[in-house]
Amino acid sequence: MIVRFFESNEQKSLQKAIDELWVNNHIYVRDVKLLNSMFYESPYKHFITQSNDYSFLGVWDNQKIVGLLGVIPFKFNQKGKISFGVCLTNWIVEESYRKTGAGMELLKFVQNLNPSIILSLGINDNVKKLYKALKWEVMDSLPRWVGIVNKQRVIEKVFKGNDSSLKNIDEIKIVENDSDMNHFIFNNTGLNSMQWNLFHESKLLSKYIGISREFNYIEWRYLKHPTFTYKYVLYKDNDGIKGLVIYRIESILKDSKIGRIVEILTDDKEVELKLIKHLINYEKSLLFWDFYCASTIASWSLENVGFKKSDNQSYFPTRFQPLDLSVSSIKSAIYINPGVLKKLNVFDINPWYITKGDSDQDRPN
């Protein structure tokens, strides 16, 4: 068996393998622009493979593709120290080959690239057991903050009239605009690459561990996304950028909308609270907001306006295309390179900035 990356002229073979091995009619089969954006056009692909390759691994037995593993590379920030890491997606081996070691060969190939960190978001219980056996760090549920905008409609539309899950949950506080609203910039009019990188490097980089949120990443992952329309709220004053929130509005259940926050980036709690207040005042006609994040980096501001944290997420679904009440959590696993591990306190979760926007979790089903 041979493990290698798919080449650019093997796009149809890759899509066919995803369709047959992973799931029929998967979004990467239906939407070639999304497939290319995530695995071919990444600005970080050079960390792991050549320019004419997809960052998607396959296992070949003669001419037959019997296994897959998507690999999304990124700059890894360790409080100002930069290296590279990868996110894993779509790890699958044909059932008749699962005792051949093909799956482990895929994983070994990635580890041999020597990334500082390997992040696997959105895993199922079977894969979680495997990662535990491999001594990876496993998180049963990526923490989530939910802010209910219209409680009655959430009960009617999401929970079909059953209010038991929301009995002790109040609606968030929608407030009037602040007097300094001229400091807020919405959407694609004010995020300058040089200004953002200056702010990121001087104010944020030394404070978190995770994917580096430099401008190249923000632009590739959100601003130029081929399928979703991400929006942002930027806070600036005479001294420059002070903070950024990135989000998208998702239409669900035919006639309703929800807000998915994917980034909250600032080092100033006052600015953070202003951004959150301004956002929920600007986008009012929603059922609810949510934000997934490994750390409590933005918890004070979110909870100040009425968001509730749910560690086990047992009461609120996460998938709405279509609505799936059985899935309410995002399980994850992390491998940390031994050379990096000895320099980190993995039990101190606060510096770890991991959101649903990482990997490919925030995408169409």
Protein backbone atom coordinates (compact mmCIF):
# COMPACT_ATOMS: atom_id res chain seq x y z
CA MET A 1 0.00 0.00 0.00
CA ILE A 2 1.11 3.55 -0.81
CA VAL A 3 0.25 6.69 1.19
CA ARG A 4 0.55 10.03 -0.59
CA PHE A 5 -1.20 13.31 -1.26
CA PHE A 6 -3.69 13.58 -4.10
CA GLU A 7 -2.32 15.53 -7.04
CA SER A 8 -4.18 18.43 -8.66
CA ASN A 9 -5.22 16.30 -11.65
CA GLU A 10 -6.84 13.76 -9.28
CA GLN A 11 -9.63 16.03 -8.07
CA LYS A 12 -12.39 13.80 -9.46
CA SER A 13 -10.75 10.71 -7.97
CA LEU A 14 -10.63 12.44 -4.58
CA GLN A 15 -14.28 13.44 -4.76
CA LYS A 16 -15.28 9.94 -5.83
CA ALA A 17 -13.35 8.46 -2.90
CA ILE A 18 -15.01 10.86 -0.44
CA ASP A 19 -18.39 9.91 -1.87
CA GLU A 20 -17.74 6.18 -1.62
CA LEU A 21 -15.67 5.92 1.57
CA TRP A 22 -16.85 8.81 3.75
CA VAL A 23 -20.47 9.65 2.96
CA ASN A 24 -22.58 9.81 -0.16
CA ASN A 25 -23.06 13.30 -1.58
CA HIS A 26 -20.81 14.98 1.00
CA ILE A 27 -20.36 18.76 0.68
CA TYR A 28 -16.85 18.24 -0.73
CA VAL A 29 -18.42 16.16 -3.50
CA ARG A 30 -21.14 18.72 -4.22
CA ASP A 31 -18.98 21.86 -3.88
CA VAL A 32 -15.61 21.69 -5.63
CA LYS A 33 -14.91 25.36 -4.79
CA LEU A 34 -15.09 24.55 -1.07
CA LEU A 35 -12.91 21.46 -1.50
CA ASN A 36 -10.30 23.51 -3.37
CA SER A 37 -10.43 26.36 -0.86
CA MET A 38 -9.79 24.11 2.13
CA PHE A 39 -7.27 21.67 0.67
CA TYR A 40 -5.69 23.27 -2.40
CA GLU A 41 -5.69 27.04 -2.04
CA SER A 42 -4.58 27.32 1.59
CA PRO A 43 -1.75 29.86 2.07
CA TYR A 44 -0.09 27.31 4.41
CA LYS A 45 -0.05 24.27 2.14
CA HIS A 46 3.69 24.69 1.57
CA PHE A 47 4.33 23.54 5.14
CA ILE A 48 3.43 19.96 4.21
CA THR A 49 3.31 19.41 0.44
CA GLN A 50 3.99 20.72 -3.07
CA SER A 51 2.00 23.40 -4.85
CA ASN A 52 0.41 20.93 -7.28
CA ASP A 53 -0.95 18.66 -4.53
CA TYR A 54 -4.13 18.69 -2.52
CA SER A 55 -3.43 18.54 1.22
CA PHE A 56 -5.57 15.41 1.24
CA LEU A 57 -3.96 12.01 1.79
CA GLY A 58 -5.01 8.74 0.24
CA VAL A 59 -4.03 5.10 0.69
CA TRP A 60 -3.70 3.15 -2.55
CA ASP A 61 -3.70 -0.65 -2.79
CA ASN A 62 -2.52 -1.04 -6.38
CA GLN A 63 -4.95 1.28 -8.20
CA LYS A 64 -7.66 1.18 -5.55
CA ILE A 65 -8.14 4.01 -3.03
CA VAL A 66 -8.86 2.37 0.32
CA GLY A 67 -8.36 5.22 2.81
CA LEU A 68 -8.50 9.00 3.19
CA LEU A 69 -7.28 11.70 5.56
CA GLY A 70 -7.73 15.44 5.01
CA VAL A 71 -4.90 17.62 6.36
CA ILE A 72 -5.31 21.38 6.84
CA PRO A 73 -1.98 23.06 7.72
CA PHE A 74 -1.67 26.30 9.66
CA LYS A 75 0.79 28.55 11.45
CA PHE A 76 0.84 27.50 15.08
CA ASN A 77 1.27 30.29 17.60
CA GLN A 78 2.69 29.42 21.00
CA LYS A 79 2.47 32.81 22.73
CA GLY A 80 4.62 34.46 20.08
CA LYS A 81 6.69 31.47 19.02
CA ILE A 82 5.64 30.41 15.50
CA SER A 83 5.86 26.91 14.02
CA PHE A 84 3.32 24.88 12.08
CA GLY A 85 0.49 22.52 12.92
CA VAL A 86 -2.28 20.67 11.10
CA CYS A 87 -5.99 19.90 11.49
CA LEU A 88 -7.31 16.49 10.48
CA THR A 89 -10.58 15.79 8.66
CA ASN A 90 -12.32 12.84 7.01
CA TRP A 91 -10.15 10.05 8.44
CA ILE A 92 -11.60 6.85 7.01
CA VAL A 93 -10.47 3.43 5.78
CA GLU A 94 -12.58 1.00 3.79
CA GLU A 95 -14.04 -1.56 6.20
CA SER A 96 -12.30 -4.56 4.63
CA TYR A 97 -8.90 -2.82 5.11
CA ARG A 98 -9.31 -1.75 8.75
CA LYS A 99 -7.14 -4.54 10.10
CA THR A 100 -4.31 -3.88 7.62
CA GLY A 101 -2.88 -0.87 9.46
CA ALA A 102 -3.88 1.49 6.65
CA GLY A 103 -5.48 3.98 9.05
CA MET A 104 -2.41 4.16 11.24
CA GLU A 105 -0.21 4.57 8.16
CA LEU A 106 -2.19 7.70 7.29
CA LEU A 107 -1.73 9.08 10.80
CA LYS A 108 1.95 8.12 10.86
CA PHE A 109 2.48 9.98 7.58
CA VAL A 110 1.13 13.17 9.16
CA GLN A 111 3.19 12.76 12.34
CA ASN A 112 6.31 12.25 10.23
CA LEU A 113 5.77 15.74 8.81
CA ASN A 114 6.76 16.83 12.36
CA PRO A 115 4.03 19.38 13.12
CA SER A 116 4.07 21.02 16.54
CA ILE A 117 0.41 20.13 17.03
CA ILE A 118 -2.27 18.01 15.37
CA LEU A 119 -5.88 19.04 16.02
CA SER A 120 -8.85 16.80 15.25
CA LEU A 121 -12.19 18.58 15.72
CA GLY A 122 -15.62 17.00 15.40
CA ILE A 123 -14.69 13.38 16.11
CA ASN A 124 -17.12 10.60 16.98
CA ASP A 125 -17.01 8.30 20.02
CA ASN A 126 -15.20 5.47 18.23
CA VAL A 127 -12.41 7.74 17.02
CA LYS A 128 -12.26 9.35 20.47
CA LYS A 129 -11.49 5.94 22.00
CA LEU A 130 -8.71 5.44 19.47
CA TYR A 131 -7.15 8.82 20.21
CA LYS A 132 -7.31 8.10 23.94
CA ALA A 133 -5.49 4.81 23.35
CA LEU A 134 -2.84 6.76 21.44
CA LYS A 135 -2.42 9.08 24.48
CA TRP A 136 -3.77 12.17 22.75
CA GLU A 137 -5.44 14.90 24.80
CA VAL A 138 -9.21 14.45 24.34
CA MET A 139 -11.90 17.07 24.96
CA ASP A 140 -15.40 15.61 25.26
CA SER A 141 -17.07 18.88 24.42
CA LEU A 142 -15.69 22.12 23.01
CA PRO A 143 -17.18 24.75 25.36
CA ARG A 144 -20.05 26.73 23.91
CA TRP A 145 -21.77 29.98 24.88
CA VAL A 146 -25.37 30.44 23.75
CA GLY A 147 -27.30 33.70 23.78
CA ILE A 148 -31.07 33.39 23.30
CA VAL A 149 -32.57 36.32 21.37
CA ASN A 150 -36.18 35.11 21.05
CA LYS A 151 -36.91 32.42 23.62
CA GLN A 152 -40.48 31.70 22.57
CA ARG A 153 -39.55 31.15 18.93
CA VAL A 154 -36.60 28.94 19.92
CA ILE A 155 -39.00 26.76 21.93
CA GLU A 156 -41.45 26.62 19.02
CA LYS A 157 -39.01 26.17 16.13
CA VAL A 158 -36.11 24.22 17.64
CA PHE A 159 -37.74 22.24 20.45
CA LYS A 160 -41.22 21.80 18.90
CA GLY A 161 -42.94 23.46 21.85
CA ASN A 162 -41.05 21.62 24.62
CA ASP A 163 -39.64 24.30 26.93
CA SER A 164 -37.91 21.97 29.43
CA SER A 165 -34.43 22.66 28.04
CA LEU A 166 -34.79 26.44 28.38
CA LYS A 167 -36.72 26.86 31.64
CA ASN A 168 -33.81 28.55 33.42
CA ILE A 169 -32.44 30.42 30.40
CA ASP A 170 -33.26 34.11 29.88
CA GLU A 171 -32.99 36.14 26.71
CA ILE A 172 -29.85 38.22 26.18
CA LYS A 173 -29.87 41.95 26.87
CA ILE A 174 -30.10 43.96 23.66
CA VAL A 175 -28.88 47.48 24.42
CA GLU A 176 -28.85 50.75 22.54
CA ASN A 177 -25.79 51.76 20.52
CA ASP A 178 -22.91 53.32 22.42
CA SER A 179 -22.11 56.97 21.93
CA ASP A 180 -18.82 56.05 20.24
CA MET A 181 -20.50 54.06 17.46
CA ASN A 182 -18.37 55.85 14.86
CA HIS A 183 -15.54 53.56 16.03
CA PHE A 184 -17.36 50.48 14.71
CA ILE A 185 -16.84 49.27 11.15
CA PHE A 186 -19.01 46.53 9.70
CA ASN A 187 -18.15 43.99 7.02
CA ASN A 188 -15.66 44.31 4.18
CA THR A 189 -14.74 47.97 4.37
CA GLY A 190 -12.07 48.43 6.99
CA LEU A 191 -9.87 45.38 7.66
CA ASN A 192 -6.51 46.46 6.32
CA SER A 193 -3.85 43.72 6.23
CA MET A 194 -0.98 45.87 7.53
CA GLN A 195 -3.08 47.40 10.31
CA TRP A 196 -4.47 44.03 11.37
CA ASN A 197 -1.06 42.35 11.43
CA LEU A 198 0.37 45.24 13.45
CA PHE A 199 -2.43 44.89 16.01
CA HIS A 200 -2.22 41.09 16.04
CA GLU A 201 1.55 41.01 16.50
CA SER A 202 1.72 43.77 19.11
CA LYS A 203 -1.39 42.99 21.19
CA LEU A 204 -2.56 39.40 20.67
CA LEU A 205 0.24 37.10 19.56
CA SER A 206 1.92 36.76 22.97
CA LYS A 207 -1.34 35.98 24.75
CA TYR A 208 -2.74 32.82 23.16
CA ILE A 209 -1.90 29.33 21.90
CA GLY A 210 -3.51 28.12 18.70
CA ILE A 211 -3.80 28.89 15.00
CA SER A 212 -2.14 32.22 14.26
CA ARG A 213 -4.89 34.73 13.45
CA GLU A 214 -2.73 36.78 11.10
CA PHE A 215 -4.38 38.51 8.14
CA ASN A 216 -3.55 35.72 5.65
CA TYR A 217 -5.48 33.28 7.80
CA ILE A 218 -8.46 35.62 8.36
CA GLU A 219 -8.68 36.38 4.65
CA TRP A 220 -8.41 32.75 3.50
CA ARG A 221 -10.62 31.19 6.18
CA TYR A 222 -13.37 33.82 6.29
CA LEU A 223 -13.22 36.80 3.95
CA LYS A 224 -12.71 34.71 0.79
CA HIS A 225 -14.78 31.71 1.83
CA PRO A 226 -16.44 30.32 -1.32
CA THR A 227 -19.67 29.15 0.32
CA PHE A 228 -20.43 31.08 3.50
CA THR A 229 -20.69 34.86 3.82
CA TYR A 230 -18.80 35.81 6.95
CA LYS A 231 -19.27 39.28 8.38
CA TYR A 232 -17.29 41.18 10.94
CA VAL A 233 -17.43 44.05 13.39
CA LEU A 234 -14.18 45.98 13.72
CA TYR A 235 -13.44 48.48 16.47
CA LYS A 236 -10.97 51.25 15.63
CA ASP A 237 -9.96 54.53 17.18
CA ASN A 238 -7.30 57.12 16.35
CA ASP A 239 -4.59 54.73 17.50
CA GLY A 240 -5.70 51.94 15.17
CA ILE A 241 -7.50 48.61 15.47
CA LYS A 242 -8.63 47.58 18.95
CA GLY A 243 -10.71 44.46 18.33
CA LEU A 244 -12.55 42.24 15.87
CA VAL A 245 -15.55 39.88 15.95
CA ILE A 246 -16.23 37.58 12.99
CA TYR A 247 -19.61 35.91 12.56
CA ARG A 248 -22.12 34.63 10.03
CA ILE A 249 -25.89 34.53 9.86
CA GLU A 250 -27.34 31.10 9.12
CA SER A 251 -30.84 30.53 7.74
CA ILE A 252 -32.54 27.53 9.36
CA LEU A 253 -35.92 25.81 9.43
CA LYS A 254 -37.14 27.70 6.33
CA ASP A 255 -38.08 30.98 8.02
CA SER A 256 -35.61 31.56 10.86
CA LYS A 257 -32.03 32.75 11.35
CA ILE A 258 -29.29 32.22 13.92
CA GLY A 259 -25.94 33.93 14.53
CA ARG A 260 -22.70 31.91 14.67
CA ILE A 261 -19.76 33.83 16.17
CA VAL A 262 -16.45 32.27 15.11
CA GLU A 263 -13.83 34.78 16.33
CA ILE A 264 -13.59 37.27 19.20
CA LEU A 265 -10.17 38.92 18.99
CA THR A 266 -9.09 41.73 21.30
CA ASP A 267 -6.87 42.26 24.34
CA ASP A 268 -9.17 44.89 25.87
CA LYS A 269 -12.18 43.74 27.92
CA GLU A 270 -13.96 47.08 27.55
CA VAL A 271 -13.61 46.92 23.77
CA GLU A 272 -14.68 43.28 23.80
CA LEU A 273 -17.91 44.12 25.65
CA LYS A 274 -18.61 47.02 23.29
CA LEU A 275 -18.14 44.75 20.28
CA ILE A 276 -20.51 42.10 21.66
CA LYS A 277 -23.16 44.67 22.63
CA HIS A 278 -22.92 46.39 19.27
CA LEU A 279 -23.18 43.10 17.39
CA ILE A 280 -26.31 41.85 19.14
CA ASN A 281 -27.91 45.26 18.73
CA TYR A 282 -27.07 45.32 15.02
CA GLU A 283 -28.35 41.80 14.24
CA LYS A 284 -31.64 41.55 16.17
CA SER A 285 -33.92 39.32 14.09
CA LEU A 286 -32.44 36.00 15.21
CA LEU A 287 -33.41 33.01 17.33
CA PHE A 288 -30.07 32.85 19.12
CA TRP A 289 -26.29 33.38 18.95
CA ASP A 290 -23.55 30.87 19.77
CA PHE A 291 -19.77 30.82 20.14
CA TYR A 292 -17.55 27.75 20.58
CA CYS A 293 -14.16 28.35 22.22
CA ALA A 294 -11.79 26.16 24.23
CA SER A 295 -10.83 29.00 26.57
CA THR A 296 -12.80 31.49 28.62
CA ILE A 297 -11.12 34.33 26.74
CA ALA A 298 -14.40 36.11 25.98
CA SER A 299 -16.62 34.62 28.67
CA TRP A 300 -16.94 37.75 30.82
CA SER A 301 -18.31 39.90 27.99
CA LEU A 302 -20.63 37.20 26.67
CA GLU A 303 -22.04 36.39 30.08
CA ASN A 304 -22.38 40.10 30.86
CA VAL A 305 -25.06 40.40 28.16
CA GLY A 306 -26.76 37.11 29.03
CA PHE A 307 -24.97 34.32 27.15
CA LYS A 308 -24.88 31.02 29.05
CA LYS A 309 -22.02 28.55 28.99
CA SER A 310 -22.90 24.90 28.54
CA ASP A 311 -19.95 22.57 28.96
CA ASN A 312 -21.85 19.40 28.13
CA GLN A 313 -24.13 21.18 25.61
CA SER A 314 -26.82 18.65 26.40
CA TYR A 315 -29.68 21.06 25.87
CA PHE A 316 -28.96 22.74 22.56
CA PRO A 317 -28.35 21.28 19.09
CA THR A 318 -25.46 22.43 16.91
CA ARG A 319 -26.58 21.16 13.49
CA PHE A 320 -29.50 22.79 11.71
CA GLN A 321 -29.01 21.75 8.06
CA PRO A 322 -31.15 19.75 8.70
CA LEU A 323 -32.06 20.09 12.39
CA ASP A 324 -30.45 17.26 14.36
CA LEU A 325 -31.34 17.24 18.06
CA SER A 326 -29.05 14.25 18.68
CA VAL A 327 -25.82 16.22 18.03
CA SER A 328 -25.13 18.96 20.56
CA SER A 329 -21.38 18.80 21.14
CA ILE A 330 -18.07 19.01 19.28
CA LYS A 331 -15.60 16.39 20.53
CA SER A 332 -11.93 16.94 19.80
CA ALA A 333 -8.48 15.46 20.23
CA ILE A 334 -5.03 17.07 20.24
CA TYR A 335 -1.60 15.59 19.66
CA ILE A 336 1.26 17.78 20.86
CA ASN A 337 4.76 17.14 19.58
CA PRO A 338 6.93 15.92 22.51
CA GLY A 339 9.38 18.74 21.89
CA VAL A 340 6.58 21.27 22.32
CA LEU A 341 4.69 19.42 25.05
CA LYS A 342 7.39 19.82 27.67
CA LYS A 343 7.14 23.61 27.27
CA LEU A 344 3.36 23.76 27.67
CA ASN A 345 0.92 23.38 30.53
CA VAL A 346 -1.82 21.46 28.71
CA PHE A 347 -4.05 21.59 31.77
CA ASP A 348 -4.19 25.40 31.65
CA ILE A 349 -6.92 25.77 29.04
CA ASN A 350 -7.20 29.57 29.09
CA PRO A 351 -4.38 30.40 26.64
CA TRP A 352 -5.71 27.79 24.18
CA TYR A 353 -7.73 29.66 21.59
CA ILE A 354 -9.56 26.96 19.60
CA THR A 355 -12.90 27.81 17.99
CA LYS A 356 -15.43 26.18 15.69
CA GLY A 357 -13.84 28.19 12.88
CA ASP A 358 -10.72 26.02 13.16
CA SER A 359 -10.39 22.96 10.91
CA ASP A 360 -13.48 22.52 8.69
CA GLN A 361 -16.19 22.36 11.35
CA ASP A 362 -17.92 25.58 10.33
CA ARG A 363 -19.09 24.54 6.88
CA PRO A 364 -22.27 23.33 5.19
CA ASN A 365 -23.30 19.77 6.12
